[in-house]
PDB file of N, CA and C in Angstrom:
ATOM      1  N   MET A   1       0.707  -1.040  -0.053  1.00  0.00           N
ATOM      2  CA  MET A   1       0.239  -0.160  -0.091  1.00  0.00           C
ATOM      3  C   MET A   1       0.893   1.204  -0.061  1.00  0.00           C
ATOM      4  N   ASN A   2       0.685   2.328  -0.711  1.00  0.00           N
ATOM      5  CA  ASN A   2       1.569   3.364  -0.954  1.00  0.00           C
ATOM      6  C   ASN A   2       0.785   4.300  -0.149  1.00  0.00           C
ATOM      7  N   ASP A   3       1.030   4.693   0.981  1.00  0.00           N
ATOM      8  CA  ASP A   3       0.356   5.920   1.789  1.00  0.00           C
ATOM      9  C   ASP A   3       1.229   6.689   1.871  1.00  0.00           C
ATOM     10  N   ILE A   4       2.498   7.085   1.662  1.00  0.00           N
ATOM     11  CA  ILE A   4       3.500   8.293   1.612  1.00  0.00           C
ATOM     12  C   ILE A   4       3.402   8.766   0.219  1.00  0.00           C
ATOM     13  N   HIS A   5       3.866  10.379  -0.064  1.00  0.00           N
ATOM     14  CA  HIS A   5       3.848  10.924  -1.188  1.00  0.00           C
ATOM     15  C   HIS A   5       5.172  11.471  -0.508  1.00  0.00           C
ATOM     16  N   LEU A   6       6.109  10.969  -1.672  1.00  0.00           N
ATOM     17  CA  LEU A   6       7.586  11.107  -1.509  1.00  0.00           C
ATOM     18  C   LEU A   6       8.007  12.439  -2.960  1.00  0.00           C
ATOM     19  N   THR A   7       8.623  13.188  -2.224  1.00  0.00           N
ATOM     20  CA  THR A   7       9.202  13.918  -3.695  1.00  0.00           C
ATOM     21  C   THR A   7      10.829  14.479  -3.140  1.00  0.00           C
ATOM     22  N   ILE A   8      11.389  13.702  -4.190  1.00  0.00           N
ATOM     23  CA  ILE A   8      13.131  13.965  -3.977  1.00  0.00           C
ATOM     24  C   ILE A   8      13.499  15.292  -5.152  1.00  0.00           C
ATOM     25  N   VAL A   9      14.409  15.866  -4.697  1.00  0.00           N
ATOM     26  CA  VAL A   9      15.072  16.797  -5.684  1.00  0.00           C
ATOM     27  C   VAL A   9      16.231  17.280  -5.299  1.00  0.00           C
ATOM     28  N   SER A  10      17.062  17.455  -6.457  1.00  0.00           N
ATOM     29  CA  SER A  10      18.685  17.808  -6.462  1.00  0.00           C
ATOM     30  C   SER A  10      18.178  19.570  -6.995  1.00  0.00           C
ATOM     31  N   PRO A  11      19.250  20.472  -6.908  1.00  0.00           N
ATOM     32  CA  PRO A  11      19.771  21.247  -7.197  1.00  0.00           C
ATOM     33  C   PRO A  11      19.529  21.501  -9.002  1.00  0.00           C
ATOM     34  N   GLU A  12      19.658  20.250  -9.203  1.00  0.00           N
ATOM     35  CA  GLU A  12      19.773  20.253 -10.903  1.00  0.00           C
ATOM     36  C   GLU A  12      18.386  19.866 -11.561  1.00  0.00           C
ATOM     37  N   ARG A  13      17.707  18.968 -10.614  1.00  0.00           N
ATOM     38  CA  ARG A  13      16.350  18.371 -11.280  1.00  0.00           C
ATOM     39  C   ARG A  13      15.411  17.931 -10.316  1.00  0.00           C
ATOM     40  N   LEU A  14      14.099  17.275 -10.421  1.00  0.00           N
ATOM     41  CA  LEU A  14      13.095  16.662  -9.838  1.00  0.00           C
ATOM     42  C   LEU A  14      13.699  15.227 -10.112  1.00  0.00           C
ATOM     43  N   ILE A  15      13.814  14.517  -8.945  1.00  0.00           N
ATOM     44  CA  ILE A  15      14.502  13.158  -9.157  1.00  0.00           C
ATOM     45  C   ILE A  15      13.338  12.162  -9.055  1.00  0.00           C
ATOM     46  N   PHE A  16      12.099  12.458  -8.172  1.00  0.00           N
ATOM     47  CA  PHE A  16      11.158  11.403  -7.746  1.00  0.00           C
ATOM     48  C   PHE A  16      10.117  12.207  -7.491  1.00  0.00           C
ATOM     49  N   ASP A  17       9.030  12.083  -7.755  1.00  0.00           N
ATOM     50  CA  ASP A  17       7.657  12.722  -7.376  1.00  0.00           C
ATOM     51  C   ASP A  17       6.297  11.486  -7.323  1.00  0.00           C
ATOM     52  N   GLY A  18       6.241  10.769  -6.330  1.00  0.00           N
ATOM     53  CA  GLY A  18       5.143   9.660  -6.356  1.00  0.00           C
ATOM     54  C   GLY A  18       4.723   9.375  -5.027  1.00  0.00           C
ATOM     55  N   ASN A  19       3.991   8.372  -5.110  1.00  0.00           N
ATOM     56  CA  ASN A  19       3.568   7.511  -3.813  1.00  0.00           C
ATOM     57  C   ASN A  19       4.256   6.125  -3.382  1.00  0.00           C
ATOM     58  N   VAL A  20       4.915   5.978  -1.895  1.00  0.00           N
ATOM     59  CA  VAL A  20       5.624   5.027  -2.174  1.00  0.00           C
ATOM     60  C   VAL A  20       5.081   4.845  -0.527  1.00  0.00           C
ATOM     61  N   SER A  21       5.551   3.331  -0.547  1.00  0.00           N
ATOM     62  CA  SER A  21       5.039   2.320   0.853  1.00  0.00           C
ATOM     63  C   SER A  21       6.034   2.891   2.027  1.00  0.00           C
ATOM     64  N   GLN A  22       7.160   3.313   1.846  1.00  0.00           N
ATOM     65  CA  GLN A  22       8.527   3.530   2.682  1.00  0.00           C
ATOM     66  C   GLN A  22       9.325   3.799   2.303  1.00  0.00           C
ATOM     67  N   VAL A  23       9.925   4.909   2.966  1.00  0.00           N
ATOM     68  CA  VAL A  23      11.252   5.540   2.758  1.00  0.00           C
ATOM     69  C   VAL A  23      12.650   5.169   3.509  1.00  0.00           C
ATOM     70  N   THR A  24      13.333   4.927   3.544  1.00  0.00           N
ATOM     71  CA  THR A  24      14.906   4.719   4.225  1.00  0.00           C
ATOM     72  C   THR A  24      16.208   6.179   3.967  1.00  0.00           C
ATOM     73  N   LEU A  25      16.360   6.618   4.860  1.00  0.00           N
ATOM     74  CA  LEU A  25      17.109   7.824   4.845  1.00  0.00           C
ATOM     75  C   LEU A  25      18.431   7.742   5.858  1.00  0.00           C
ATOM     76  N   PRO A  26      19.630   8.203   5.015  1.00  0.00           N
ATOM     77  CA  PRO A  26      20.776   8.260   6.193  1.00  0.00           C
ATOM     78  C   PRO A  26      20.911   9.714   6.858  1.00  0.00           C
ATOM     79  N   GLY A  27      20.447   9.221   8.181  1.00  0.00           N
ATOM     80  CA  GLY A  27      20.219  10.308   9.161  1.00  0.00           C
ATOM     81  C   GLY A  27      21.925  10.945   9.952  1.00  0.00           C
ATOM     82  N   GLU A  28      22.030  11.816  10.293  1.00  0.00           N
ATOM     83  CA  GLU A  28      23.082  12.173  11.227  1.00  0.00           C
ATOM     84  C   GLU A  28      23.467  11.300  12.185  1.00  0.00           C
ATOM     85  N   ILE A  29      22.631  10.683  12.835  1.00  0.00           N
ATOM     86  CA  ILE A  29      22.781   9.316  13.829  1.00  0.00           C
ATOM     87  C   ILE A  29      22.658   7.994  13.547  1.00  0.00           C
ATOM     88  N   GLY A  30      22.392   7.977  12.068  1.00  0.00           N
ATOM     89  CA  GLY A  30      22.141   6.688  11.759  1.00  0.00           C
ATOM     90  C   GLY A  30      20.858   6.472  10.895  1.00  0.00           C
ATOM     91  N   GLU A  31      20.717   5.463  10.171  1.00  0.00           N
ATOM     92  CA  GLU A  31      19.621   5.384   8.987  1.00  0.00           C
ATOM     93  C   GLU A  31      18.485   5.293   9.509  1.00  0.00           C
ATOM     94  N   PHE A  32      17.319   5.771   9.273  1.00  0.00           N
ATOM     95  CA  PHE A  32      16.005   5.609   9.842  1.00  0.00           C
ATOM     96  C   PHE A  32      15.005   5.373   8.671  1.00  0.00           C
ATOM     97  N   GLN A  33      13.731   4.847   9.103  1.00  0.00           N
ATOM     98  CA  GLN A  33      12.673   4.750   8.050  1.00  0.00           C
ATOM     99  C   GLN A  33      11.432   5.297   8.204  1.00  0.00           C
ATOM    100  N   VAL A  34      10.676   5.678   7.022  1.00  0.00           N
ATOM    101  CA  VAL A  34       9.332   6.521   7.473  1.00  0.00           C
ATOM    102  C   VAL A  34       8.388   5.613   6.826  1.00  0.00           C
ATOM    103  N   LEU A  35       7.491   5.127   7.554  1.00  0.00           N
ATOM    104  CA  LEU A  35       6.395   4.831   7.468  1.00  0.00           C
ATOM    105  C   LEU A  35       5.008   5.283   7.344  1.00  0.00           C
ATOM    106  N   ALA A  36       3.974   5.125   6.719  1.00  0.00           N
ATOM    107  CA  ALA A  36       3.060   6.118   7.181  1.00  0.00           C
ATOM    108  C   ALA A  36       2.469   6.509   8.304  1.00  0.00           C
ATOM    109  N   ASN A  37       1.772   7.740   8.331  1.00  0.00           N
ATOM    110  CA  ASN A  37       1.706   8.614   9.812  1.00  0.00           C
ATOM    111  C   ASN A  37       2.979   8.301  10.597  1.00  0.00           C
ATOM    112  N   HIS A  38       4.231   8.892   9.735  1.00  0.00           N
ATOM    113  CA  HIS A  38       5.230   9.293  10.681  1.00  0.00           C
ATOM    114  C   HIS A  38       4.855  10.378  11.237  1.00  0.00           C
ATOM    115  N   ALA A  39       5.811  10.602  12.947  1.00  0.00           N
ATOM    116  CA  ALA A  39       5.881  12.003  13.200  1.00  0.00           C
ATOM    117  C   ALA A  39       6.596  13.139  12.625  1.00  0.00           C
ATOM    118  N   PRO A  40       6.106  14.233  12.519  1.00  0.00           N
ATOM    119  CA  PRO A  40       6.623  15.523  11.916  1.00  0.00           C
ATOM    120  C   PRO A  40       7.727  15.422  12.502  1.00  0.00           C
ATOM    121  N   LEU A  41       8.744  15.604  11.297  1.00  0.00           N
ATOM    122  CA  LEU A  41      10.171  15.761  11.219  1.00  0.00           C
ATOM    123  C   LEU A  41      11.090  16.411  10.598  1.00  0.00           C
ATOM    124  N   ILE A  42      11.985  17.328  10.991  1.00  0.00           N
ATOM    125  CA  ILE A  42      12.887  17.843  10.098  1.00  0.00           C
ATOM    126  C   ILE A  42      14.318  17.357  10.431  1.00  0.00           C
ATOM    127  N   SER A  43      15.034  16.706   9.325  1.00  0.00           N
ATOM    128  CA  SER A  43      16.357  16.403   9.462  1.00  0.00           C
ATOM    129  C   SER A  43      17.207  16.242   8.797  1.00  0.00           C
ATOM    130  N   SER A  44      18.748  16.876   9.053  1.00  0.00           N
ATOM    131  CA  SER A  44      20.113  16.978   7.960  1.00  0.00           C
ATOM    132  C   SER A  44      19.894  15.426   7.340  1.00  0.00           C
ATOM    133  N   LEU A  45      20.375  15.193   6.237  1.00  0.00           N
ATOM    134  CA  LEU A  45      20.980  13.785   6.091  1.00  0.00           C
ATOM    135  C   LEU A  45      22.789  13.595   5.229  1.00  0.00           C
ATOM    136  N   VAL A  46      23.233  12.411   5.977  1.00  0.00           N
ATOM    137  CA  VAL A  46      24.596  12.521   5.772  1.00  0.00           C
ATOM    138  C   VAL A  46      25.053  11.642   4.062  1.00  0.00           C
ATOM    139  N   ALA A  47      26.091  11.506   3.960  1.00  0.00           N
ATOM    140  CA  ALA A  47      26.278  10.723   2.508  1.00  0.00           C
ATOM    141  C   ALA A  47      25.747   9.083   3.056  1.00  0.00           C
ATOM    142  N   GLY A  48      24.883   8.400   1.832  1.00  0.00           N
ATOM    143  CA  GLY A  48      24.493   7.278   1.883  1.00  0.00           C
ATOM    144  C   GLY A  48      23.571   7.050   1.393  1.00  0.00           C
ATOM    145  N   ASP A  49      22.612   6.216   1.301  1.00  0.00           N
ATOM    146  CA  ASP A  49      21.572   5.682   0.110  1.00  0.00           C
ATOM    147  C   ASP A  49      20.152   6.143   0.621  1.00  0.00           C
ATOM    148  N   VAL A  50      19.308   6.651  -0.090  1.00  0.00           N
ATOM    149  CA  VAL A  50      17.967   6.947   0.060  1.00  0.00           C
ATOM    150  C   VAL A  50      17.427   6.010  -0.749  1.00  0.00           C
ATOM    151  N   LYS A  51      16.796   4.997  -0.005  1.00  0.00           N
ATOM    152  CA  LYS A  51      16.190   4.005  -0.426  1.00  0.00           C
ATOM    153  C   LYS A  51      14.048   4.284  -0.132  1.00  0.00           C
ATOM    154  N   TYR A  52      13.641   3.876  -1.640  1.00  0.00           N
ATOM    155  CA  TYR A  52      12.120   3.937  -1.157  1.00  0.00           C
ATOM    156  C   TYR A  52      11.684   2.860  -2.099  1.00  0.00           C
ATOM    157  N   THR A  53      10.339   2.427  -1.686  1.00  0.00           N
ATOM    158  CA  THR A  53       9.382   1.568  -2.391  1.00  0.00           C
ATOM    159  C   THR A  53       8.392   1.808  -2.942  1.00  0.00           C
ATOM    160  N   SER A  54       8.154   1.602  -4.316  1.00  0.00           N
ATOM    161  CA  SER A  54       6.592   2.106  -4.987  1.00  0.00           C
ATOM    162  C   SER A  54       6.210   0.685  -5.513  1.00  0.00           C
ATOM    163  N   THR A  55       6.722   0.487  -6.963  1.00  0.00           N
ATOM    164  CA  THR A  55       6.295  -0.816  -7.517  1.00  0.00           C
ATOM    165  C   THR A  55       7.900  -1.705  -7.064  1.00  0.00           C
ATOM    166  N   GLU A  56       8.817  -0.775  -6.995  1.00  0.00           N
ATOM    167  CA  GLU A  56       9.931  -1.815  -6.737  1.00  0.00           C
ATOM    168  C   GLU A  56      10.976  -0.837  -5.990  1.00  0.00           C
ATOM    169  N   THR A  57      11.665  -1.522  -5.117  1.00  0.00           N
ATOM    170  CA  THR A  57      12.501  -0.655  -4.150  1.00  0.00           C
ATOM    171  C   THR A  57      13.801  -0.355  -5.129  1.00  0.00           C
ATOM    172  N   VAL A  58      13.856   1.085  -4.959  1.00  0.00           N
ATOM    173  CA  VAL A  58      15.053   1.997  -5.563  1.00  0.00           C
ATOM    174  C   VAL A  58      16.002   2.642  -4.482  1.00  0.00           C
ATOM    175  N   ALA A  59      17.417   2.488  -4.942  1.00  0.00           N
ATOM    176  CA  ALA A  59      18.411   3.022  -3.943  1.00  0.00           C
ATOM    177  C   ALA A  59      18.916   4.306  -4.565  1.00  0.00           C
ATOM    178  N   LEU A  60      19.117   5.494  -3.956  1.00  0.00           N
ATOM    179  CA  LEU A  60      19.909   6.671  -4.598  1.00  0.00           C
ATOM    180  C   LEU A  60      20.710   6.946  -3.857  1.00  0.00           C
ATOM    181  N   LYS A  61      21.951   6.994  -4.353  1.00  0.00           N
ATOM    182  CA  LYS A  61      23.174   7.281  -3.382  1.00  0.00           C
ATOM    183  C   LYS A  61      23.555   9.186  -3.227  1.00  0.00           C
ATOM    184  N   ILE A  62      23.551   9.671  -2.179  1.00  0.00           N
ATOM    185  CA  ILE A  62      23.654  10.834  -1.888  1.00  0.00           C
ATOM    186  C   ILE A  62      24.827  11.543  -1.020  1.00  0.00           C
ATOM    187  N   SER A  63      25.311  12.419  -1.251  1.00  0.00           N
ATOM    188  CA  SER A  63      26.452  12.844  -0.219  1.00  0.00           C
ATOM    189  C   SER A  63      25.836  13.589   0.847  1.00  0.00           C
ATOM    190  N   SER A  64      24.935  14.324   0.926  1.00  0.00           N
ATOM    191  CA  SER A  64      24.293  15.257   1.917  1.00  0.00           C
ATOM    192  C   SER A  64      22.817  15.944   1.203  1.00  0.00           C
ATOM    193  N   GLY A  65      22.112  16.253   2.532  1.00  0.00           N
ATOM    194  CA  GLY A  65      20.516  16.563   2.172  1.00  0.00           C
ATOM    195  C   GLY A  65      20.023  16.796   3.513  1.00  0.00           C
ATOM    196  N   PHE A  66      18.558  17.134   2.954  1.00  0.00           N
ATOM    197  CA  PHE A  66      17.786  17.246   4.539  1.00  0.00           C
ATOM    198  C   PHE A  66      16.677  16.786   4.104  1.00  0.00           C
ATOM    199  N   VAL A  67      15.570  16.668   4.960  1.00  0.00           N
ATOM    200  CA  VAL A  67      13.918  15.750   4.712  1.00  0.00           C
ATOM    201  C   VAL A  67      13.337  16.660   5.632  1.00  0.00           C
ATOM    202  N   ASP A  68      11.945  16.763   5.235  1.00  0.00           N
ATOM    203  CA  ASP A  68      11.181  17.486   5.570  1.00  0.00           C
ATOM    204  C   ASP A  68       9.968  16.590   5.966  1.00  0.00           C
ATOM    205  N   ILE A  69       9.061  15.726   6.863  1.00  0.00           N
ATOM    206  CA  ILE A  69       8.002  14.811   7.043  1.00  0.00           C
ATOM    207  C   ILE A  69       6.950  15.569   7.371  1.00  0.00           C
ATOM    208  N   ASN A  70       5.739  15.374   7.042  1.00  0.00           N
ATOM    209  CA  ASN A  70       4.897  16.043   7.904  1.00  0.00           C
ATOM    210  C   ASN A  70       3.690  15.237   6.902  1.00  0.00           C
ATOM    211  N   ARG A  71       2.279  14.893   7.604  1.00  0.00           N
ATOM    212  CA  ARG A  71       1.250  14.504   7.479  1.00  0.00           C
ATOM    213  C   ARG A  71       1.294  13.279   5.763  1.00  0.00           C
ATOM    214  N   ASN A  72       2.331  12.329   6.082  1.00  0.00           N
ATOM    215  CA  ASN A  72       2.358  11.529   5.055  1.00  0.00           C
ATOM    216  C   ASN A  72       3.175  12.029   3.610  1.00  0.00           C
ATOM    217  N   GLN A  73       3.669  13.306   3.848  1.00  0.00           N
ATOM    218  CA  GLN A  73       4.407  14.152   3.130  1.00  0.00           C
ATOM    219  C   GLN A  73       5.883  13.893   3.380  1.00  0.00           C
ATOM    220  N   VAL A  74       6.614  13.393   2.249  1.00  0.00           N
ATOM    221  CA  VAL A  74       8.084  13.492   2.485  1.00  0.00           C
ATOM    222  C   VAL A  74       8.766  14.017   1.525  1.00  0.00           C
ATOM    223  N   SER A  75       9.384  15.488   1.800  1.00  0.00           N
ATOM    224  CA  SER A  75      10.073  16.325   1.050  1.00  0.00           C
ATOM    225  C   SER A  75      11.587  15.981   1.102  1.00  0.00           C
ATOM    226  N   VAL A  76      12.344  15.540   0.558  1.00  0.00           N
ATOM    227  CA  VAL A  76      14.048  15.440   0.507  1.00  0.00           C
ATOM    228  C   VAL A  76      14.484  16.167  -0.549  1.00  0.00           C
ATOM    229  N   CYS A  77      15.494  16.818  -0.227  1.00  0.00           N
ATOM    230  CA  CYS A  77      16.392  17.814  -0.798  1.00  0.00           C
ATOM    231  C   CYS A  77      17.550  17.279  -0.657  1.00  0.00           C
ATOM    232  N   VAL A  78      18.370  16.970  -1.864  1.00  0.00           N
ATOM    233  CA  VAL A  78      19.839  16.083  -1.798  1.00  0.00           C
ATOM    234  C   VAL A  78      20.614  16.622  -2.776  1.00  0.00           C
ATOM    235  N   GLU A  79      22.029  16.537  -2.439  1.00  0.00           N
ATOM    236  CA  GLU A  79      23.148  16.364  -3.387  1.00  0.00           C
ATOM    237  C   GLU A  79      23.638  15.110  -3.674  1.00  0.00           C
ATOM    238  N   LEU A  80      23.573  15.058  -4.661  1.00  0.00           N
ATOM    239  CA  LEU A  80      23.833  13.518  -5.575  1.00  0.00           C
ATOM    240  C   LEU A  80      25.183  13.201  -5.501  1.00  0.00           C
ATOM    241  N   ASP A  81      25.724  11.877  -4.799  1.00  0.00           N
ATOM    242  CA  ASP A  81      27.009  11.442  -4.976  1.00  0.00           C
ATOM    243  C   ASP A  81      27.505  10.994  -6.528  1.00  0.00           C
ATOM    244  N   GLY A  82      28.443  12.014  -6.765  1.00  0.00           N
ATOM    245  CA  GLY A  82      29.190  11.608  -8.096  1.00  0.00           C
ATOM    246  C   GLY A  82      28.561  12.323  -9.124  1.00  0.00           C
TER     247      GLY A  82
END
């Protein structure tokens, strides 16, 4: 079930905009997962993989970024690795 609306952007382009069932993000103190009805949160991101599942699981390698989670809307702004 795809209950979360995920938007991932970089300074260069829109990377993803759609519904997903889960998102895993590389936070400052470790990786964390976002599922439907997650508590509101703003966090910085470190180098690692942003993983999300819609029809399949996708991993996106980033060097840094931040995330805003609120009311099943997850907005991620990242610098891509490489």
